[in-house]
Amino acid sequence: MILIIVGYELEIKRELFAPVFKTVLLRALILSGVLALGSRIIFSITSFDKMLFMAMLLMYALPAPFIIPLYADTGEDGAYISTTLSVGTLLTVVFFIGIAAYSQTGGKYL
């Protein structure tokens, strides 16, 4: 279902690359800042817990909701939204590989 929703209006156009990558990187930067702030607050109150930190990493690494193109009246922006979701999902896969590598360490930061 997700592939149908995202792929329905997916268009690979050169003029979409710059705004899509800016949007995805800005979202990643904002969410990493929120993760850092939340981690600092939580782990200043409690001791560091690797499982809690992994859960926080997974929560903030998730892509944007895939339901947006289905219910939103996207109009001309449908290709932009679908392409942004696709690129965000690819970035999430890269994040998950990093999170999996981190989970195999002894709780140390990479």
PDB file of N, CA and C in Angstrom:
ATOM      1  N   MET A   1       0.819  -1.185   0.000  1.00  0.00           N
ATOM      2  CA  MET A   1       0.000   0.000   0.000  1.00  0.00           C
ATOM      3  C   MET A   1       0.872   1.262   0.000  1.00  0.00           C
ATOM      4  N   ILE A   2       1.938   1.235   0.794  1.00  0.00           N
ATOM      5  CA  ILE A   2       2.829   2.391   0.865  1.00  0.00           C
ATOM      6  C   ILE A   2       3.466   2.649  -0.494  1.00  0.00           C
ATOM      7  N   LEU A   3       3.883   1.586  -1.170  1.00  0.00           N
ATOM      8  CA  LEU A   3       4.497   1.757  -2.485  1.00  0.00           C
ATOM      9  C   LEU A   3       3.530   2.378  -3.483  1.00  0.00           C
ATOM     10  N   ILE A   4       2.264   2.004  -3.404  1.00  0.00           N
ATOM     11  CA  ILE A   4       1.263   2.583  -4.296  1.00  0.00           C
ATOM     12  C   ILE A   4       1.057   4.056  -3.979  1.00  0.00           C
ATOM     13  N   ILE A   5       0.936   4.375  -2.687  1.00  0.00           N
ATOM     14  CA  ILE A   5       0.686   5.761  -2.278  1.00  0.00           C
ATOM     15  C   ILE A   5       1.849   6.664  -2.677  1.00  0.00           C
ATOM     16  N   VAL A   6       3.077   6.227  -2.372  1.00  0.00           N
ATOM     17  CA  VAL A   6       4.249   7.061  -2.675  1.00  0.00           C
ATOM     18  C   VAL A   6       4.541   7.057  -4.166  1.00  0.00           C
ATOM     19  N   GLY A   7       4.446   5.899  -4.803  1.00  0.00           N
ATOM     20  CA  GLY A   7       4.826   5.790  -6.203  1.00  0.00           C
ATOM     21  C   GLY A   7       3.820   6.342  -7.184  1.00  0.00           C
ATOM     22  N   TYR A   8       2.608   6.602  -6.726  1.00  0.00           N
ATOM     23  CA  TYR A   8       1.565   7.065  -7.636  1.00  0.00           C
ATOM     24  C   TYR A   8       1.952   8.371  -8.319  1.00  0.00           C
ATOM     25  N   GLU A   9       2.475   9.304  -7.558  1.00  0.00           N
ATOM     26  CA  GLU A   9       2.833  10.611  -8.127  1.00  0.00           C
ATOM     27  C   GLU A   9       4.333  10.844  -8.164  1.00  0.00           C
ATOM     28  N   LEU A  10       5.113   9.783  -7.997  1.00  0.00           N
ATOM     29  CA  LEU A  10       6.564   9.916  -8.008  1.00  0.00           C
ATOM     30  C   LEU A  10       7.051  10.267  -9.407  1.00  0.00           C
ATOM     31  N   GLU A  11       7.763  11.371  -9.487  1.00  0.00           N
ATOM     32  CA  GLU A  11       8.366  11.804 -10.736  1.00  0.00           C
ATOM     33  C   GLU A  11       9.803  12.198 -10.446  1.00  0.00           C
ATOM     34  N   ILE A  12      10.699  11.646 -11.217  1.00  0.00           N
ATOM     35  CA  ILE A  12      12.109  11.990 -11.051  1.00  0.00           C
ATOM     36  C   ILE A  12      12.434  13.088 -12.053  1.00  0.00           C
ATOM     37  N   LYS A  13      12.439  14.312 -11.553  1.00  0.00           N
ATOM     38  CA  LYS A  13      12.731  15.477 -12.386  1.00  0.00           C
ATOM     39  C   LYS A  13      13.944  16.205 -11.813  1.00  0.00           C
ATOM     40  N   ARG A  14      14.736  16.732 -12.692  1.00  0.00           N
ATOM     41  CA  ARG A  14      15.939  17.454 -12.274  1.00  0.00           C
ATOM     42  C   ARG A  14      15.598  18.675 -11.415  1.00  0.00           C
ATOM     43  N   GLU A  15      14.516  19.370 -11.746  1.00  0.00           N
ATOM     44  CA  GLU A  15      14.175  20.585 -10.992  1.00  0.00           C
ATOM     45  C   GLU A  15      13.654  20.281  -9.590  1.00  0.00           C
ATOM     46  N   LEU A  16      13.300  19.035  -9.316  1.00  0.00           N
ATOM     47  CA  LEU A  16      12.842  18.661  -7.974  1.00  0.00           C
ATOM     48  C   LEU A  16      13.987  18.295  -7.036  1.00  0.00           C
ATOM     49  N   PHE A  17      15.163  17.972  -7.581  1.00  0.00           N
ATOM     50  CA  PHE A  17      16.263  17.492  -6.752  1.00  0.00           C
ATOM     51  C   PHE A  17      16.655  18.467  -5.657  1.00  0.00           C
ATOM     52  N   ALA A  18      16.896  19.713  -6.000  1.00  0.00           N
ATOM     53  CA  ALA A  18      17.363  20.689  -5.007  1.00  0.00           C
ATOM     54  C   ALA A  18      16.342  20.907  -3.891  1.00  0.00           C
ATOM     55  N   PRO A  19      15.070  21.210  -4.191  1.00  0.00           N
ATOM     56  CA  PRO A  19      14.134  21.423  -3.082  1.00  0.00           C
ATOM     57  C   PRO A  19      13.877  20.167  -2.258  1.00  0.00           C
ATOM     58  N   VAL A  20      13.884  19.001  -2.900  1.00  0.00           N
ATOM     59  CA  VAL A  20      13.644  17.758  -2.157  1.00  0.00           C
ATOM     60  C   VAL A  20      14.795  17.490  -1.197  1.00  0.00           C
ATOM     61  N   PHE A  21      16.028  17.611  -1.667  1.00  0.00           N
ATOM     62  CA  PHE A  21      17.167  17.353  -0.794  1.00  0.00           C
ATOM     63  C   PHE A  21      17.263  18.389   0.326  1.00  0.00           C
ATOM     64  N   LYS A  22      16.930  19.636   0.029  1.00  0.00           N
ATOM     65  CA  LYS A  22      16.915  20.650   1.081  1.00  0.00           C
ATOM     66  C   LYS A  22      15.888  20.310   2.148  1.00  0.00           C
ATOM     67  N   THR A  23      14.711  19.885   1.721  1.00  0.00           N
ATOM     68  CA  THR A  23      13.647  19.545   2.665  1.00  0.00           C
ATOM     69  C   THR A  23      14.043  18.354   3.529  1.00  0.00           C
ATOM     70  N   VAL A  24      14.576  17.316   2.900  1.00  0.00           N
ATOM     71  CA  VAL A  24      14.948  16.108   3.637  1.00  0.00           C
ATOM     72  C   VAL A  24      16.085  16.402   4.615  1.00  0.00           C
ATOM     73  N   LEU A  25      17.087  17.144   4.179  1.00  0.00           N
ATOM     74  CA  LEU A  25      18.205  17.471   5.070  1.00  0.00           C
ATOM     75  C   LEU A  25      17.779  18.406   6.195  1.00  0.00           C
ATOM     76  N   LEU A  26      16.919  19.369   5.897  1.00  0.00           N
ATOM     77  CA  LEU A  26      16.426  20.261   6.945  1.00  0.00           C
ATOM     78  C   LEU A  26      15.628  19.493   7.988  1.00  0.00           C
ATOM     79  N   ARG A  27      14.786  18.564   7.533  1.00  0.00           N
ATOM     80  CA  ARG A  27      14.009  17.734   8.456  1.00  0.00           C
ATOM     81  C   ARG A  27      14.936  16.891   9.324  1.00  0.00           C
ATOM     82  N   ALA A  28      15.978  16.306   8.710  1.00  0.00           N
ATOM     83  CA  ALA A  28      16.934  15.488   9.457  1.00  0.00           C
ATOM     84  C   ALA A  28      17.692  16.329  10.484  1.00  0.00           C
ATOM     85  N   LEU A  29      18.084  17.534  10.105  1.00  0.00           N
ATOM     86  CA  LEU A  29      18.794  18.414  11.041  1.00  0.00           C
ATOM     87  C   LEU A  29      17.906  18.831  12.205  1.00  0.00           C
ATOM     88  N   ILE A  30      16.672  19.179  11.916  1.00  0.00           N
ATOM     89  CA  ILE A  30      15.757  19.593  12.980  1.00  0.00           C
ATOM     90  C   ILE A  30      15.489  18.428  13.934  1.00  0.00           C
ATOM     91  N   LEU A  31      15.228  17.251  13.390  1.00  0.00           N
ATOM     92  CA  LEU A  31      14.952  16.100  14.241  1.00  0.00           C
ATOM     93  C   LEU A  31      16.179  15.655  15.025  1.00  0.00           C
ATOM     94  N   SER A  32      17.373  15.791  14.461  1.00  0.00           N
ATOM     95  CA  SER A  32      18.567  15.451  15.234  1.00  0.00           C
ATOM     96  C   SER A  32      18.791  16.455  16.357  1.00  0.00           C
ATOM     97  N   GLY A  33      18.443  17.712  16.131  1.00  0.00           N
ATOM     98  CA  GLY A  33      18.522  18.697  17.208  1.00  0.00           C
ATOM     99  C   GLY A  33      17.530  18.404  18.324  1.00  0.00           C
ATOM    100  N   VAL A  34      16.318  18.015  17.942  1.00  0.00           N
ATOM    101  CA  VAL A  34      15.308  17.643  18.940  1.00  0.00           C
ATOM    102  C   VAL A  34      15.757  16.400  19.706  1.00  0.00           C
ATOM    103  N   LEU A  35      16.349  15.433  18.991  1.00  0.00           N
ATOM    104  CA  LEU A  35      16.867  14.231  19.643  1.00  0.00           C
ATOM    105  C   LEU A  35      17.977  14.579  20.626  1.00  0.00           C
ATOM    106  N   ALA A  36      18.890  15.438  20.225  1.00  0.00           N
ATOM    107  CA  ALA A  36      19.990  15.826  21.113  1.00  0.00           C
ATOM    108  C   ALA A  36      19.458  16.535  22.356  1.00  0.00           C
ATOM    109  N   LEU A  37      18.536  17.451  22.165  1.00  0.00           N
ATOM    110  CA  LEU A  37      17.957  18.167  23.305  1.00  0.00           C
ATOM    111  C   LEU A  37      17.182  17.223  24.216  1.00  0.00           C
ATOM    112  N   GLY A  38      16.368  16.356  23.628  1.00  0.00           N
ATOM    113  CA  GLY A  38      15.608  15.403  24.429  1.00  0.00           C
ATOM    114  C   GLY A  38      16.505  14.434  25.173  1.00  0.00           C
ATOM    115  N   SER A  39      17.568  13.974  24.514  1.00  0.00           N
ATOM    116  CA  SER A  39      18.518  13.068  25.167  1.00  0.00           C
ATOM    117  C   SER A  39      19.215  13.755  26.329  1.00  0.00           C
ATOM    118  N   ARG A  40      19.595  15.008  26.114  1.00  0.00           N
ATOM    119  CA  ARG A  40      20.282  15.744  27.192  1.00  0.00           C
ATOM    120  C   ARG A  40      19.361  15.902  28.394  1.00  0.00           C
ATOM    121  N   ILE A  41      18.114  16.224  28.147  1.00  0.00           N
ATOM    122  CA  ILE A  41      17.164  16.408  29.251  1.00  0.00           C
ATOM    123  C   ILE A  41      16.895  15.089  29.963  1.00  0.00           C
ATOM    124  N   ILE A  42      16.588  14.054  29.208  1.00  0.00           N
ATOM    125  CA  ILE A  42      16.246  12.765  29.821  1.00  0.00           C
ATOM    126  C   ILE A  42      17.437  12.162  30.554  1.00  0.00           C
ATOM    127  N   PHE A  43      18.600  12.189  29.933  1.00  0.00           N
ATOM    128  CA  PHE A  43      19.754  11.552  30.553  1.00  0.00           C
ATOM    129  C   PHE A  43      20.436  12.430  31.597  1.00  0.00           C
ATOM    130  N   SER A  44      20.001  13.668  31.763  1.00  0.00           N
ATOM    131  CA  SER A  44      20.467  14.452  32.911  1.00  0.00           C
ATOM    132  C   SER A  44      19.648  14.099  34.149  1.00  0.00           C
ATOM    133  N   ILE A  45      18.430  13.607  33.924  1.00  0.00           N
ATOM    134  CA  ILE A  45      17.565  13.195  35.037  1.00  0.00           C
ATOM    135  C   ILE A  45      17.856  11.753  35.435  1.00  0.00           C
ATOM    136  N   THR A  46      18.043  10.901  34.448  1.00  0.00           N
ATOM    137  CA  THR A  46      18.326   9.491  34.701  1.00  0.00           C
ATOM    138  C   THR A  46      19.697   9.145  34.141  1.00  0.00           C
ATOM    139  N   SER A  47      20.180   7.956  34.492  1.00  0.00           N
ATOM    140  CA  SER A  47      21.456   7.520  33.921  1.00  0.00           C
ATOM    141  C   SER A  47      21.239   7.069  32.484  1.00  0.00           C
ATOM    142  N   PHE A  48      22.317   7.034  31.728  1.00  0.00           N
ATOM    143  CA  PHE A  48      22.233   6.659  30.314  1.00  0.00           C
ATOM    144  C   PHE A  48      21.761   5.219  30.199  1.00  0.00           C
ATOM    145  N   ASP A  49      20.763   4.991  29.383  1.00  0.00           N
ATOM    146  CA  ASP A  49      20.231   3.661  29.109  1.00  0.00           C
ATOM    147  C   ASP A  49      20.271   3.449  27.604  1.00  0.00           C
ATOM    148  N   LYS A  50      21.043   2.467  27.179  1.00  0.00           N
ATOM    149  CA  LYS A  50      21.230   2.233  25.750  1.00  0.00           C
ATOM    150  C   LYS A  50      19.916   1.897  25.057  1.00  0.00           C
ATOM    151  N   MET A  51      19.073   1.105  25.679  1.00  0.00           N
ATOM    152  CA  MET A  51      17.807   0.718  25.060  1.00  0.00           C
ATOM    153  C   MET A  51      16.888   1.927  24.861  1.00  0.00           C
ATOM    154  N   LEU A  52      16.845   2.811  25.847  1.00  0.00           N
ATOM    155  CA  LEU A  52      16.038   4.026  25.721  1.00  0.00           C
ATOM    156  C   LEU A  52      16.588   4.919  24.620  1.00  0.00           C
ATOM    157  N   PHE A  53      17.898   5.042  24.560  1.00  0.00           N
ATOM    158  CA  PHE A  53      18.508   5.866  23.523  1.00  0.00           C
ATOM    159  C   PHE A  53      18.253   5.264  22.134  1.00  0.00           C
ATOM    160  N   MET A  54      18.316   3.936  22.026  1.00  0.00           N
ATOM    161  CA  MET A  54      18.012   3.277  20.750  1.00  0.00           C
ATOM    162  C   MET A  54      16.567   3.539  20.344  1.00  0.00           C
ATOM    163  N   ALA A  55      15.649   3.490  21.307  1.00  0.00           N
ATOM    164  CA  ALA A  55      14.242   3.769  21.008  1.00  0.00           C
ATOM    165  C   ALA A  55      14.070   5.201  20.529  1.00  0.00           C
ATOM    166  N   MET A  56      14.777   6.127  21.159  1.00  0.00           N
ATOM    167  CA  MET A  56      14.708   7.524  20.734  1.00  0.00           C
ATOM    168  C   MET A  56      15.291   7.694  19.334  1.00  0.00           C
ATOM    169  N   LEU A  57      16.403   7.028  19.057  1.00  0.00           N
ATOM    170  CA  LEU A  57      16.995   7.093  17.721  1.00  0.00           C
ATOM    171  C   LEU A  57      16.022   6.583  16.666  1.00  0.00           C
ATOM    172  N   LEU A  58      15.391   5.451  16.949  1.00  0.00           N
ATOM    173  CA  LEU A  58      14.441   4.890  15.989  1.00  0.00           C
ATOM    174  C   LEU A  58      13.253   5.809  15.774  1.00  0.00           C
ATOM    175  N   MET A  59      12.754   6.402  16.845  1.00  0.00           N
ATOM    176  CA  MET A  59      11.592   7.274  16.723  1.00  0.00           C
ATOM    177  C   MET A  59      11.898   8.505  15.860  1.00  0.00           C
ATOM    178  N   TYR A  60      13.057   9.103  16.079  1.00  0.00           N
ATOM    179  CA  TYR A  60      13.391  10.312  15.324  1.00  0.00           C
ATOM    180  C   TYR A  60      13.930  10.019  13.926  1.00  0.00           C
ATOM    181  N   ALA A  61      14.289   8.763  13.640  1.00  0.00           N
ATOM    182  CA  ALA A  61      14.798   8.412  12.314  1.00  0.00           C
ATOM    183  C   ALA A  61      13.687   8.013  11.352  1.00  0.00           C
ATOM    184  N   LEU A  62      12.480   7.853  11.835  1.00  0.00           N
ATOM    185  CA  LEU A  62      11.381   7.420  10.971  1.00  0.00           C
ATOM    186  C   LEU A  62      11.082   8.466   9.899  1.00  0.00           C
ATOM    187  N   PRO A  63      10.661   8.010   8.730  1.00  0.00           N
ATOM    188  CA  PRO A  63      10.319   8.973   7.676  1.00  0.00           C
ATOM    189  C   PRO A  63       8.999   9.677   7.975  1.00  0.00           C
ATOM    190  N   ALA A  64       8.701  10.670   7.189  1.00  0.00           N
ATOM    191  CA  ALA A  64       7.433  11.391   7.321  1.00  0.00           C
ATOM    192  C   ALA A  64       6.273  10.429   7.047  1.00  0.00           C
ATOM    193  N   PRO A  65       5.090  10.742   7.530  1.00  0.00           N
ATOM    194  CA  PRO A  65       3.947   9.845   7.322  1.00  0.00           C
ATOM    195  C   PRO A  65       3.615   9.673   5.835  1.00  0.00           C
ATOM    196  N   PHE A  66       3.369   8.443   5.447  1.00  0.00           N
ATOM    197  CA  PHE A  66       3.067   8.139   4.050  1.00  0.00           C
ATOM    198  C   PHE A  66       1.620   8.435   3.689  1.00  0.00           C
ATOM    199  N   ILE A  67       0.816   8.796   4.633  1.00  0.00           N
ATOM    200  CA  ILE A  67      -0.598   9.030   4.388  1.00  0.00           C
ATOM    201  C   ILE A  67      -0.837  10.420   3.785  1.00  0.00           C
ATOM    202  N   ILE A  68       0.149  11.280   3.851  1.00  0.00           N
ATOM    203  CA  ILE A  68       0.001  12.659   3.378  1.00  0.00           C
ATOM    204  C   ILE A  68      -0.486  12.731   1.923  1.00  0.00           C
ATOM    205  N   PRO A  69       0.156  12.010   0.972  1.00  0.00           N
ATOM    206  CA  PRO A  69      -0.321  12.133  -0.415  1.00  0.00           C
ATOM    207  C   PRO A  69      -1.720  11.560  -0.636  1.00  0.00           C
ATOM    208  N   LEU A  70      -2.139  10.641   0.219  1.00  0.00           N
ATOM    209  CA  LEU A  70      -3.441  10.020   0.027  1.00  0.00           C
ATOM    210  C   LEU A  70      -4.579  10.956   0.390  1.00  0.00           C
ATOM    211  N   TYR A  71      -4.454  11.674   1.498  1.00  0.00           N
ATOM    212  CA  TYR A  71      -5.552  12.510   1.983  1.00  0.00           C
ATOM    213  C   TYR A  71      -5.384  13.995   1.696  1.00  0.00           C
ATOM    214  N   ALA A  72      -4.165  14.434   1.446  1.00  0.00           N
ATOM    215  CA  ALA A  72      -3.951  15.855   1.198  1.00  0.00           C
ATOM    216  C   ALA A  72      -4.352  16.209  -0.229  1.00  0.00           C
ATOM    217  N   ASP A  73      -4.845  17.404  -0.401  1.00  0.00           N
ATOM    218  CA  ASP A  73      -5.138  17.917  -1.736  1.00  0.00           C
ATOM    219  C   ASP A  73      -3.838  18.496  -2.267  1.00  0.00           C
ATOM    220  N   THR A  74      -3.011  17.616  -2.847  1.00  0.00           N
ATOM    221  CA  THR A  74      -1.660  18.017  -3.220  1.00  0.00           C
ATOM    222  C   THR A  74      -1.595  18.819  -4.510  1.00  0.00           C
ATOM    223  N   GLY A  75      -2.477  18.577  -5.431  1.00  0.00           N
ATOM    224  CA  GLY A  75      -2.478  19.335  -6.671  1.00  0.00           C
ATOM    225  C   GLY A  75      -1.166  19.211  -7.413  1.00  0.00           C
ATOM    226  N   GLU A  76      -0.564  20.348  -7.722  1.00  0.00           N
ATOM    227  CA  GLU A  76       0.689  20.366  -8.473  1.00  0.00           C
ATOM    228  C   GLU A  76       1.884  19.940  -7.629  1.00  0.00           C
ATOM    229  N   ASP A  77       1.742  19.950  -6.311  1.00  0.00           N
ATOM    230  CA  ASP A  77       2.851  19.595  -5.425  1.00  0.00           C
ATOM    231  C   ASP A  77       2.932  18.101  -5.145  1.00  0.00           C
ATOM    232  N   GLY A  78       2.106  17.297  -5.774  1.00  0.00           N
ATOM    233  CA  GLY A  78       2.086  15.861  -5.535  1.00  0.00           C
ATOM    234  C   GLY A  78       3.413  15.190  -5.839  1.00  0.00           C
ATOM    235  N   ALA A  79       4.039  15.572  -6.946  1.00  0.00           N
ATOM    236  CA  ALA A  79       5.329  14.976  -7.318  1.00  0.00           C
ATOM    237  C   ALA A  79       6.404  15.350  -6.297  1.00  0.00           C
ATOM    238  N   TYR A  80       6.380  16.591  -5.835  1.00  0.00           N
ATOM    239  CA  TYR A  80       7.353  17.035  -4.833  1.00  0.00           C
ATOM    240  C   TYR A  80       7.187  16.258  -3.534  1.00  0.00           C
ATOM    241  N   ILE A  81       5.953  16.096  -3.084  1.00  0.00           N
ATOM    242  CA  ILE A  81       5.685  15.391  -1.829  1.00  0.00           C
ATOM    243  C   ILE A  81       6.084  13.925  -1.950  1.00  0.00           C
ATOM    244  N   SER A  82       5.706  13.275  -3.019  1.00  0.00           N
ATOM    245  CA  SER A  82       6.040  11.861  -3.199  1.00  0.00           C
ATOM    246  C   SER A  82       7.542  11.646  -3.315  1.00  0.00           C
ATOM    247  N   THR A  83       8.219  12.524  -4.035  1.00  0.00           N
ATOM    248  CA  THR A  83       9.669  12.407  -4.162  1.00  0.00           C
ATOM    249  C   THR A  83      10.351  12.659  -2.822  1.00  0.00           C
ATOM    250  N   THR A  84       9.854  13.620  -2.053  1.00  0.00           N
ATOM    251  CA  THR A  84      10.403  13.887  -0.728  1.00  0.00           C
ATOM    252  C   THR A  84      10.227  12.684   0.184  1.00  0.00           C
ATOM    253  N   LEU A  85       9.068  12.052   0.142  1.00  0.00           N
ATOM    254  CA  LEU A  85       8.838  10.852   0.954  1.00  0.00           C
ATOM    255  C   LEU A  85       9.768   9.718   0.537  1.00  0.00           C
ATOM    256  N   SER A  86       9.990   9.552  -0.753  1.00  0.00           N
ATOM    257  CA  SER A  86      10.868   8.482  -1.229  1.00  0.00           C
ATOM    258  C   SER A  86      12.311   8.713  -0.796  1.00  0.00           C
ATOM    259  N   VAL A  87      12.800   9.928  -0.955  1.00  0.00           N
ATOM    260  CA  VAL A  87      14.176  10.239  -0.557  1.00  0.00           C
ATOM    261  C   VAL A  87      14.311  10.142   0.964  1.00  0.00           C
ATOM    262  N   GLY A  88      13.295  10.591   1.691  1.00  0.00           N
ATOM    263  CA  GLY A  88      13.309  10.470   3.152  1.00  0.00           C
ATOM    264  C   GLY A  88      13.344   9.024   3.602  1.00  0.00           C
ATOM    265  N   THR A  89      12.653   8.169   2.882  1.00  0.00           N
ATOM    266  CA  THR A  89      12.665   6.740   3.209  1.00  0.00           C
ATOM    267  C   THR A  89      14.039   6.131   2.952  1.00  0.00           C
ATOM    268  N   LEU A  90      14.679   6.528   1.871  1.00  0.00           N
ATOM    269  CA  LEU A  90      16.041   6.050   1.604  1.00  0.00           C
ATOM    270  C   LEU A  90      17.008   6.512   2.685  1.00  0.00           C
ATOM    271  N   LEU A  91      16.863   7.750   3.124  1.00  0.00           N
ATOM    272  CA  LEU A  91      17.706   8.258   4.209  1.00  0.00           C
ATOM    273  C   LEU A  91      17.434   7.493   5.503  1.00  0.00           C
ATOM    274  N   THR A  92      16.192   7.124   5.733  1.00  0.00           N
ATOM    275  CA  THR A  92      15.840   6.343   6.913  1.00  0.00           C
ATOM    276  C   THR A  92      16.519   4.980   6.884  1.00  0.00           C
ATOM    277  N   VAL A  93      16.587   4.358   5.723  1.00  0.00           N
ATOM    278  CA  VAL A  93      17.276   3.068   5.608  1.00  0.00           C
ATOM    279  C   VAL A  93      18.748   3.226   5.978  1.00  0.00           C
ATOM    280  N   VAL A  94      19.371   4.305   5.535  1.00  0.00           N
ATOM    281  CA  VAL A  94      20.766   4.572   5.890  1.00  0.00           C
ATOM    282  C   VAL A  94      20.893   4.784   7.394  1.00  0.00           C
ATOM    283  N   PHE A  95      19.971   5.535   7.995  1.00  0.00           N
ATOM    284  CA  PHE A  95      19.976   5.738   9.444  1.00  0.00           C
ATOM    285  C   PHE A  95      19.828   4.413  10.176  1.00  0.00           C
ATOM    286  N   PHE A  96      18.932   3.549   9.695  1.00  0.00           N
ATOM    287  CA  PHE A  96      18.714   2.267  10.358  1.00  0.00           C
ATOM    288  C   PHE A  96      19.964   1.397  10.304  1.00  0.00           C
ATOM    289  N   ILE A  97      20.717   1.467   9.219  1.00  0.00           N
ATOM    290  CA  ILE A  97      21.977   0.728   9.146  1.00  0.00           C
ATOM    291  C   ILE A  97      22.944   1.255  10.205  1.00  0.00           C
ATOM    292  N   GLY A  98      23.009   2.579  10.357  1.00  0.00           N
ATOM    293  CA  GLY A  98      23.853   3.162  11.398  1.00  0.00           C
ATOM    294  C   GLY A  98      23.384   2.797  12.797  1.00  0.00           C
ATOM    295  N   ILE A  99      22.081   2.782  13.002  1.00  0.00           N
ATOM    296  CA  ILE A  99      21.532   2.416  14.311  1.00  0.00           C
ATOM    297  C   ILE A  99      21.834   0.951  14.608  1.00  0.00           C
ATOM    298  N   ALA A 100      21.734   0.087  13.599  1.00  0.00           N
ATOM    299  CA  ALA A 100      22.067  -1.325  13.796  1.00  0.00           C
ATOM    300  C   ALA A 100      23.538  -1.493  14.148  1.00  0.00           C
ATOM    301  N   ALA A 101      24.400  -0.718  13.502  1.00  0.00           N
ATOM    302  CA  ALA A 101      25.835  -0.780  13.827  1.00  0.00           C
ATOM    303  C   ALA A 101      26.058  -0.271  15.245  1.00  0.00           C
ATOM    304  N   TYR A 102      25.359   0.779  15.651  1.00  0.00           N
ATOM    305  CA  TYR A 102      25.499   1.308  17.017  1.00  0.00           C
ATOM    306  C   TYR A 102      25.017   0.282  18.038  1.00  0.00           C
ATOM    307  N   SER A 103      23.957  -0.443  17.716  1.00  0.00           N
ATOM    308  CA  SER A 103      23.412  -1.395  18.683  1.00  0.00           C
ATOM    309  C   SER A 103      24.385  -2.540  18.946  1.00  0.00           C
ATOM    310  N   GLN A 104      25.306  -2.766  18.031  1.00  0.00           N
ATOM    311  CA  GLN A 104      26.273  -3.845  18.210  1.00  0.00           C
ATOM    312  C   GLN A 104      27.487  -3.401  19.031  1.00  0.00           C
ATOM    313  N   THR A 105      27.612  -2.099  19.295  1.00  0.00           N
ATOM    314  CA  THR A 105      28.718  -1.612  20.112  1.00  0.00           C
ATOM    315  C   THR A 105      28.345  -1.766  21.581  1.00  0.00           C
ATOM    316  N   GLY A 106      29.270  -1.565  22.439  1.00  0.00           N
ATOM    317  CA  GLY A 106      29.042  -1.739  23.871  1.00  0.00           C
ATOM    318  C   GLY A 106      28.417  -0.514  24.534  1.00  0.00           C
ATOM    319  N   GLY A 107      27.578   0.244  23.835  1.00  0.00           N
ATOM    320  CA  GLY A 107      26.962   1.421  24.427  1.00  0.00           C
ATOM    321  C   GLY A 107      27.781   2.675  24.211  1.00  0.00           C
ATOM    322  N   LYS A 108      28.871   2.551  23.453  1.00  0.00           N
ATOM    323  CA  LYS A 108      29.725   3.696  23.194  1.00  0.00           C
ATOM    324  C   LYS A 108      29.231   4.401  21.939  1.00  0.00           C
ATOM    325  N   TYR A 109      29.460   5.676  21.870  1.00  0.00           N
ATOM    326  CA  TYR A 109      29.110   6.432  20.677  1.00  0.00           C
ATOM    327  C   TYR A 109      30.111   6.095  19.582  1.00  0.00           C
ATOM    328  N   LEU A 110      29.638   6.065  18.344  1.00  0.00           N
ATOM    329  CA  LEU A 110      30.518   5.772  17.217  1.00  0.00           C
ATOM    330  C   LEU A 110      31.390   6.944  16.885  1.00  0.00           C
TER     331      LEU A 110
END
